[in-house]
Amino acid sequence: MNQEHPASPGPLKELTLEAGESGWIARFSCFAGPCEIHLRNCPRSRAHPLAQAGATEAWRIQACFSRYWADSWLGRLHAAGGAWVETDAEIEGLLDLADVAFQVSGGRFDLTSGVLRRAWRFEAGARPPTAAELRPLLARVGWNRVERDPAARRLRLPVGWELDLGGLGKEYAVDRAAALLAEAPGPWLVNFGGDLRAGGAGPSDPPWRVGLDDPAASGRAALGGFELRTGALATSGDARRGLEHGGVRLGHILDARTGWPPPQAPRSVTVQAPTCSQAGLLSTLGLLMGSAAEAWLAEQGAAHWILRDEPAGR
């Protein structure tokens, strides 16, 4: 475990362990939602410490990269008033990933775009922001204008700017928790709010069966059944956060260049990849491609499933 970012006191942290199918299910809360670690063919004496290690790592990552906690790394960065702030190998790795995403997406994905949430309210009765409301916020968006010195491990934001690692942190935490389960005696599945990674399965072990959230009945119905033995699945979509405007569903994932959800975006994009970080980033970038989501993901060679209100060609 990386000890450079100790967990913040934050909210109460509690993990429960209950008997499940051929093993144990650990449940806890992190990243503003439910998280689970499933362990098959594992005695309780080993299941509890393994699950506790995975949960503790998730809490640590949340504490480091939360934009809501003043003592997090992001909190210190935002309070620095334009001064250089130290990074480390873990942070630099995430910034490298964000830089690749910025480049391949043509600027659609941008860590500085979190400031746009000040103009958007994704709730019943809300309206989209006006151009006048977005204009001053868009002036504070632009990853290419952030000063970064990887060799010296430091970063500097323009005064009043923000970074938002919400598009990377949860998937990264899934991968970190998965790494801590490598010594589990049987199959395991990490599920942090629907972002999944599985491993440890032998030739005779059955796969995990998972369903995709139905945007039309989010939290109440699932679409299809997928089998996952190893690797990761991640989904990006508008099921949980969005608003209706002019008969069109507008999701919460915004194109950093315009400040608006991408036009003709799918309702959801699910990607399968070796790691959850890869799956999560590809699903988000695919959604940001709007009407070109299918073609773009096919170019990346990523296994994917796309749901639209009206079927579109693959």
Protein backbone atom coordinates (compact mmCIF):
# COMPACT_ATOMS: atom_id res chain seq x y z
CA MET A 1 0.00 0.00 0.00
CA ASN A 2 1.21 3.51 -0.79
CA GLN A 3 1.76 5.17 2.58
CA GLU A 4 2.39 8.65 1.16
CA HIS A 5 -1.35 9.36 1.29
CA PRO A 6 -2.74 8.23 4.66
CA ALA A 7 -6.50 8.00 4.97
CA SER A 8 -8.31 11.11 6.13
CA PRO A 9 -10.52 10.71 9.22
CA GLY A 10 -13.53 11.44 6.95
CA PRO A 11 -16.86 9.71 7.60
CA LEU A 12 -17.30 6.55 9.65
CA LYS A 13 -15.69 3.58 7.91
CA GLU A 14 -17.36 0.23 8.45
CA LEU A 15 -17.13 -3.08 6.66
CA THR A 16 -19.57 -5.97 7.01
CA LEU A 17 -18.90 -9.56 5.97
CA GLU A 18 -21.72 -11.97 5.20
CA ALA A 19 -21.98 -15.45 3.77
CA GLY A 20 -22.61 -15.56 0.03
CA GLU A 21 -22.66 -18.08 -2.77
CA SER A 22 -19.63 -20.35 -2.21
CA GLY A 23 -17.89 -17.73 -0.14
CA TRP A 24 -18.14 -14.29 1.41
CA ILE A 25 -19.39 -10.83 0.47
CA ALA A 26 -17.83 -7.76 2.10
CA ARG A 27 -19.86 -4.56 1.89
CA PHE A 28 -18.86 -0.99 2.67
CA SER A 29 -19.42 2.55 1.44
CA CYS A 30 -16.93 4.60 -0.55
CA PHE A 31 -16.99 7.09 -3.43
CA ALA A 32 -20.51 8.12 -2.39
CA GLY A 33 -21.92 4.69 -3.11
CA PRO A 34 -22.02 0.99 -2.23
CA CYS A 35 -18.93 -1.16 -2.70
CA GLU A 36 -18.52 -4.95 -2.55
CA ILE A 37 -15.73 -7.49 -2.51
CA HIS A 38 -16.75 -11.09 -3.29
CA LEU A 39 -14.49 -13.99 -2.31
CA ARG A 40 -15.25 -17.60 -3.29
CA ASN A 41 -13.71 -20.73 -1.78
CA CYS A 42 -12.11 -18.62 0.91
CA PRO A 43 -12.30 -19.30 4.66
CA ARG A 44 -13.59 -16.49 6.81
CA SER A 45 -10.26 -16.24 8.59
CA ARG A 46 -8.69 -15.12 5.31
CA ALA A 47 -11.70 -13.41 3.74
CA HIS A 48 -12.04 -10.72 6.40
CA PRO A 49 -8.44 -9.42 6.33
CA LEU A 50 -8.35 -9.54 2.53
CA ALA A 51 -11.59 -7.58 2.23
CA GLN A 52 -10.49 -5.17 4.96
CA ALA A 53 -7.28 -4.45 3.06
CA GLY A 54 -9.23 -3.73 -0.13
CA ALA A 55 -11.69 -1.44 1.65
CA THR A 56 -8.92 0.40 3.50
CA GLU A 57 -7.15 1.04 0.20
CA ALA A 58 -10.36 2.40 -1.33
CA TRP A 59 -10.86 4.73 1.64
CA ARG A 60 -7.25 5.90 1.38
CA ILE A 61 -7.61 6.76 -2.31
CA GLN A 62 -10.88 8.58 -1.69
CA ALA A 63 -9.22 10.58 1.08
CA CYS A 64 -6.29 11.54 -1.11
CA PHE A 65 -8.24 12.62 -4.17
CA SER A 66 -11.52 13.92 -2.76
CA ARG A 67 -12.29 17.48 -3.79
CA TYR A 68 -14.51 17.87 -0.72
CA TRP A 69 -11.90 17.33 2.02
CA ALA A 70 -9.57 20.21 2.80
CA ASP A 71 -6.77 17.89 3.97
CA SER A 72 -6.76 15.81 0.77
CA TRP A 73 -4.06 16.32 -1.84
CA LEU A 74 -6.64 18.02 -4.07
CA GLY A 75 -7.74 20.21 -1.18
CA ARG A 76 -4.16 21.38 -0.64
CA LEU A 77 -3.69 21.95 -4.37
CA HIS A 78 -6.82 24.11 -4.59
CA ALA A 79 -5.77 26.12 -1.55
CA ALA A 80 -2.26 26.76 -2.86
CA GLY A 81 -3.16 30.04 -4.58
CA GLY A 82 -1.15 29.35 -7.73
CA ALA A 83 1.95 28.02 -5.93
CA TRP A 84 3.71 24.79 -6.85
CA VAL A 85 2.41 21.72 -4.99
CA GLU A 86 4.34 18.48 -4.59
CA THR A 87 3.15 15.29 -6.24
CA ASP A 88 4.48 11.72 -5.99
CA ALA A 89 4.71 8.60 -8.13
CA GLU A 90 1.06 7.65 -7.56
CA ILE A 91 -0.26 11.09 -8.47
CA GLU A 92 2.05 11.35 -11.47
CA GLY A 93 0.74 8.02 -12.77
CA LEU A 94 -2.83 9.30 -12.67
CA LEU A 95 -1.82 12.59 -14.28
CA ASP A 96 -0.05 10.68 -17.06
CA LEU A 97 -3.27 8.75 -17.71
CA ALA A 98 -5.28 11.97 -17.73
CA ASP A 99 -2.84 13.52 -20.18
CA VAL A 100 -3.24 10.59 -22.59
CA ALA A 101 -7.03 10.87 -22.28
CA PHE A 102 -6.87 14.61 -23.01
CA GLN A 103 -4.79 14.02 -26.12
CA VAL A 104 -6.71 11.09 -27.63
CA SER A 105 -10.09 12.72 -26.93
CA GLY A 106 -9.14 15.98 -28.63
CA GLY A 107 -9.67 17.86 -25.36
CA ARG A 108 -13.10 16.43 -24.62
CA PHE A 109 -11.76 14.80 -21.43
CA ASP A 110 -10.07 17.37 -19.20
CA LEU A 111 -9.26 17.20 -15.49
CA THR A 112 -9.87 20.94 -15.13
CA SER A 113 -13.47 20.73 -16.36
CA GLY A 114 -14.94 19.89 -12.95
CA VAL A 115 -15.52 23.60 -12.41
CA LEU A 116 -18.36 23.34 -14.96
CA ARG A 117 -20.49 21.55 -12.37
CA ARG A 118 -21.10 24.97 -10.79
CA ALA A 119 -23.37 25.81 -13.72
CA TRP A 120 -25.16 22.47 -14.02
CA ARG A 121 -27.75 20.95 -11.68
CA PHE A 122 -28.72 17.42 -12.66
CA GLU A 123 -32.00 17.12 -10.80
CA ALA A 124 -35.73 17.29 -11.43
CA GLY A 125 -36.86 20.70 -12.66
CA ALA A 126 -33.37 21.98 -13.42
CA ARG A 127 -32.51 23.77 -16.65
CA PRO A 128 -29.27 23.85 -18.63
CA PRO A 129 -27.01 26.84 -18.03
CA THR A 130 -26.96 29.81 -20.38
CA ALA A 131 -23.94 30.75 -22.48
CA ALA A 132 -23.36 33.69 -20.13
CA GLU A 133 -23.26 31.34 -17.15
CA LEU A 134 -20.82 28.96 -18.82
CA ARG A 135 -18.46 31.53 -20.32
CA PRO A 136 -16.48 32.46 -17.17
CA LEU A 137 -16.20 28.80 -16.20
CA LEU A 138 -14.94 27.71 -19.61
CA ALA A 139 -12.20 30.32 -19.23
CA ARG A 140 -10.90 28.19 -16.34
CA VAL A 141 -10.80 24.95 -18.33
CA GLY A 142 -7.72 23.75 -20.19
CA TRP A 143 -5.42 20.91 -19.13
CA ASN A 144 -2.78 22.21 -21.56
CA ARG A 145 -2.54 25.41 -19.49
CA VAL A 146 -1.70 23.60 -16.25
CA GLU A 147 2.01 23.77 -15.36
CA ARG A 148 3.43 20.35 -14.65
CA ASP A 149 6.99 19.33 -13.79
CA PRO A 150 7.06 15.51 -13.60
CA ALA A 151 10.84 15.35 -13.10
CA ALA A 152 10.59 17.50 -9.97
CA ARG A 153 7.22 15.95 -9.06
CA ARG A 154 5.25 19.15 -8.75
CA LEU A 155 2.20 20.82 -10.26
CA ARG A 156 0.87 24.36 -10.41
CA LEU A 157 -2.67 25.49 -11.20
CA PRO A 158 -3.65 29.00 -12.27
CA VAL A 159 -5.28 30.88 -9.40
CA GLY A 160 -8.93 29.89 -8.98
CA TRP A 161 -8.65 26.74 -11.09
CA GLU A 162 -9.53 23.22 -9.94
CA LEU A 163 -8.70 19.63 -10.76
CA ASP A 164 -11.31 16.88 -10.54
CA LEU A 165 -10.03 13.29 -10.44
CA GLY A 166 -13.53 11.83 -10.15
CA GLY A 167 -13.29 10.37 -13.63
CA LEU A 168 -10.25 8.29 -12.67
CA GLY A 169 -10.22 7.67 -8.92
CA LYS A 170 -12.87 4.98 -8.47
CA GLU A 171 -11.60 2.78 -11.28
CA TYR A 172 -8.05 3.19 -10.01
CA ALA A 173 -9.23 2.12 -6.55
CA VAL A 174 -10.79 -1.02 -8.05
CA ASP A 175 -7.44 -1.94 -9.57
CA ARG A 176 -5.57 -1.24 -6.34
CA ALA A 177 -8.01 -3.35 -4.31
CA ALA A 178 -7.72 -6.11 -6.91
CA ALA A 179 -3.94 -6.13 -6.52
CA LEU A 180 -4.37 -6.78 -2.80
CA LEU A 181 -6.55 -9.83 -3.53
CA ALA A 182 -3.89 -11.60 -5.58
CA GLU A 183 -3.20 -14.03 -2.73
CA ALA A 184 -6.85 -15.05 -2.29
CA PRO A 185 -7.24 -18.85 -2.52
CA GLY A 186 -10.14 -18.69 -5.00
CA PRO A 187 -12.01 -16.42 -7.41
CA TRP A 188 -12.68 -12.84 -6.36
CA LEU A 189 -14.72 -9.92 -7.70
CA VAL A 190 -14.35 -6.24 -6.82
CA ASN A 191 -17.47 -4.15 -7.45
CA PHE A 192 -17.25 -0.45 -6.63
CA GLY A 193 -20.51 1.13 -7.71
CA GLY A 194 -20.77 -1.02 -10.85
CA ASP A 195 -17.12 -0.79 -11.86
CA LEU A 196 -15.82 -4.36 -11.75
CA ARG A 197 -12.64 -6.39 -11.81
CA ALA A 198 -12.37 -10.15 -11.42
CA GLY A 199 -9.54 -12.62 -11.01
CA GLY A 200 -8.27 -15.72 -9.26
CA ALA A 201 -10.47 -18.14 -11.23
CA GLY A 202 -9.18 -21.57 -12.17
CA PRO A 203 -10.24 -23.60 -15.24
CA SER A 204 -13.08 -25.29 -13.36
CA ASP A 205 -14.40 -22.21 -11.56
CA PRO A 206 -17.68 -20.75 -12.90
CA PRO A 207 -17.62 -17.16 -14.15
CA TRP A 208 -19.23 -14.26 -12.36
CA ARG A 209 -22.55 -13.27 -13.91
CA VAL A 210 -23.21 -9.54 -13.98
CA GLY A 211 -25.95 -7.38 -15.47
CA LEU A 212 -25.88 -3.83 -16.80
CA ASP A 213 -28.01 -1.17 -15.15
CA ASP A 214 -31.08 -0.30 -17.22
CA PRO A 215 -31.13 3.53 -17.61
CA ALA A 216 -34.92 3.42 -17.95
CA ALA A 217 -35.21 1.79 -14.50
CA SER A 218 -31.90 2.54 -12.84
CA GLY A 219 -31.28 0.54 -9.68
CA ARG A 220 -34.40 -1.58 -10.30
CA ALA A 221 -33.65 -3.53 -13.50
CA ALA A 222 -30.67 -4.95 -15.33
CA LEU A 223 -30.08 -5.56 -19.01
CA GLY A 224 -28.51 -8.79 -20.25
CA GLY A 225 -26.21 -11.15 -18.47
CA PHE A 226 -22.46 -10.98 -18.88
CA GLU A 227 -19.90 -13.53 -17.79
CA LEU A 228 -16.66 -12.27 -16.29
CA ARG A 229 -13.83 -14.59 -15.28
CA THR A 230 -10.93 -12.19 -15.40
CA GLY A 231 -10.40 -8.56 -16.32
CA ALA A 232 -12.67 -5.58 -15.84
CA LEU A 233 -15.96 -3.98 -16.86
CA ALA A 234 -16.89 -0.32 -16.47
CA THR A 235 -19.94 1.68 -17.53
CA SER A 236 -20.47 5.38 -18.19
CA GLY A 237 -23.95 6.77 -18.72
CA ASP A 238 -26.77 9.09 -17.72
CA ALA A 239 -28.86 6.67 -15.62
CA ARG A 240 -28.05 8.14 -12.21
CA ARG A 241 -27.34 11.78 -13.06
CA GLY A 242 -28.99 13.73 -15.83
CA LEU A 243 -31.85 16.04 -16.69
CA GLU A 244 -34.60 16.21 -19.29
CA HIS A 245 -34.58 19.25 -21.57
CA GLY A 246 -36.60 19.73 -24.73
CA GLY A 247 -37.45 16.05 -24.83
CA VAL A 248 -33.77 15.09 -24.72
CA ARG A 249 -31.95 13.40 -21.85
CA LEU A 250 -28.77 15.32 -20.96
CA GLY A 251 -26.18 13.30 -19.03
CA HIS A 252 -23.71 14.60 -16.46
CA ILE A 253 -20.56 13.80 -18.46
CA LEU A 254 -19.61 17.08 -20.13
CA ASP A 255 -17.47 17.84 -23.16
CA ALA A 256 -14.77 20.12 -21.71
CA ARG A 257 -14.54 22.08 -24.96
CA THR A 258 -18.18 23.22 -24.95
CA GLY A 259 -19.37 22.79 -21.36
CA TRP A 260 -22.28 20.68 -22.61
CA PRO A 261 -23.02 16.95 -22.76
CA PRO A 262 -21.93 15.59 -26.15
CA PRO A 263 -24.70 15.65 -28.77
CA GLN A 264 -26.28 12.32 -29.65
CA ALA A 265 -24.52 10.63 -26.76
CA PRO A 266 -25.46 7.03 -25.92
CA ARG A 267 -27.51 6.36 -22.79
CA SER A 268 -24.67 4.12 -21.58
CA VAL A 269 -21.33 2.73 -22.72
CA THR A 270 -19.84 -0.40 -21.18
CA VAL A 271 -16.28 -1.52 -21.96
CA GLN A 272 -14.37 -4.67 -21.08
CA ALA A 273 -10.61 -4.35 -20.63
CA PRO A 274 -7.74 -5.92 -18.67
CA THR A 275 -7.90 -3.25 -15.94
CA CYS A 276 -10.73 -1.15 -14.56
CA SER A 277 -8.77 2.06 -15.20
CA GLN A 278 -8.62 1.18 -18.89
CA ALA A 279 -12.27 0.10 -19.04
CA GLY A 280 -13.48 3.20 -17.20
CA LEU A 281 -11.50 5.64 -19.31
CA LEU A 282 -12.54 4.01 -22.59
CA SER A 283 -16.21 3.98 -21.58
CA THR A 284 -16.08 7.68 -20.66
CA LEU A 285 -14.22 8.65 -23.82
CA GLY A 286 -16.61 6.56 -25.90
CA LEU A 287 -19.59 8.40 -24.44
CA LEU A 288 -17.87 11.75 -25.07
CA MET A 289 -17.62 10.84 -28.76
CA GLY A 290 -21.42 11.13 -29.00
CA SER A 291 -22.75 9.86 -32.32
CA ALA A 292 -19.31 8.44 -33.16
CA ALA A 293 -19.07 6.29 -30.01
CA GLU A 294 -19.44 2.96 -31.80
CA ALA A 295 -16.91 3.75 -34.51
CA TRP A 296 -14.38 5.22 -32.07
CA LEU A 297 -14.48 2.25 -29.69
CA ALA A 298 -14.19 -0.15 -32.63
CA GLU A 299 -11.04 1.71 -33.69
CA GLN A 300 -9.60 1.18 -30.20
CA GLY A 301 -10.26 -2.56 -30.47
CA ALA A 302 -12.24 -2.46 -27.21
CA ALA A 303 -15.00 -4.96 -26.47
CA HIS A 304 -18.02 -2.74 -25.81
CA TRP A 305 -21.80 -2.58 -25.43
CA ILE A 306 -23.68 0.61 -26.22
CA LEU A 307 -27.25 1.46 -25.31
CA ARG A 308 -29.13 4.21 -27.11
CA ASP A 309 -32.75 5.32 -27.00
CA GLU A 310 -32.88 4.44 -30.68
CA PRO A 311 -30.62 1.61 -31.93
CA ALA A 312 -27.58 2.73 -33.84
CA GLY A 313 -25.37 0.69 -36.14
CA ARG A 314 -22.28 -0.92 -34.73
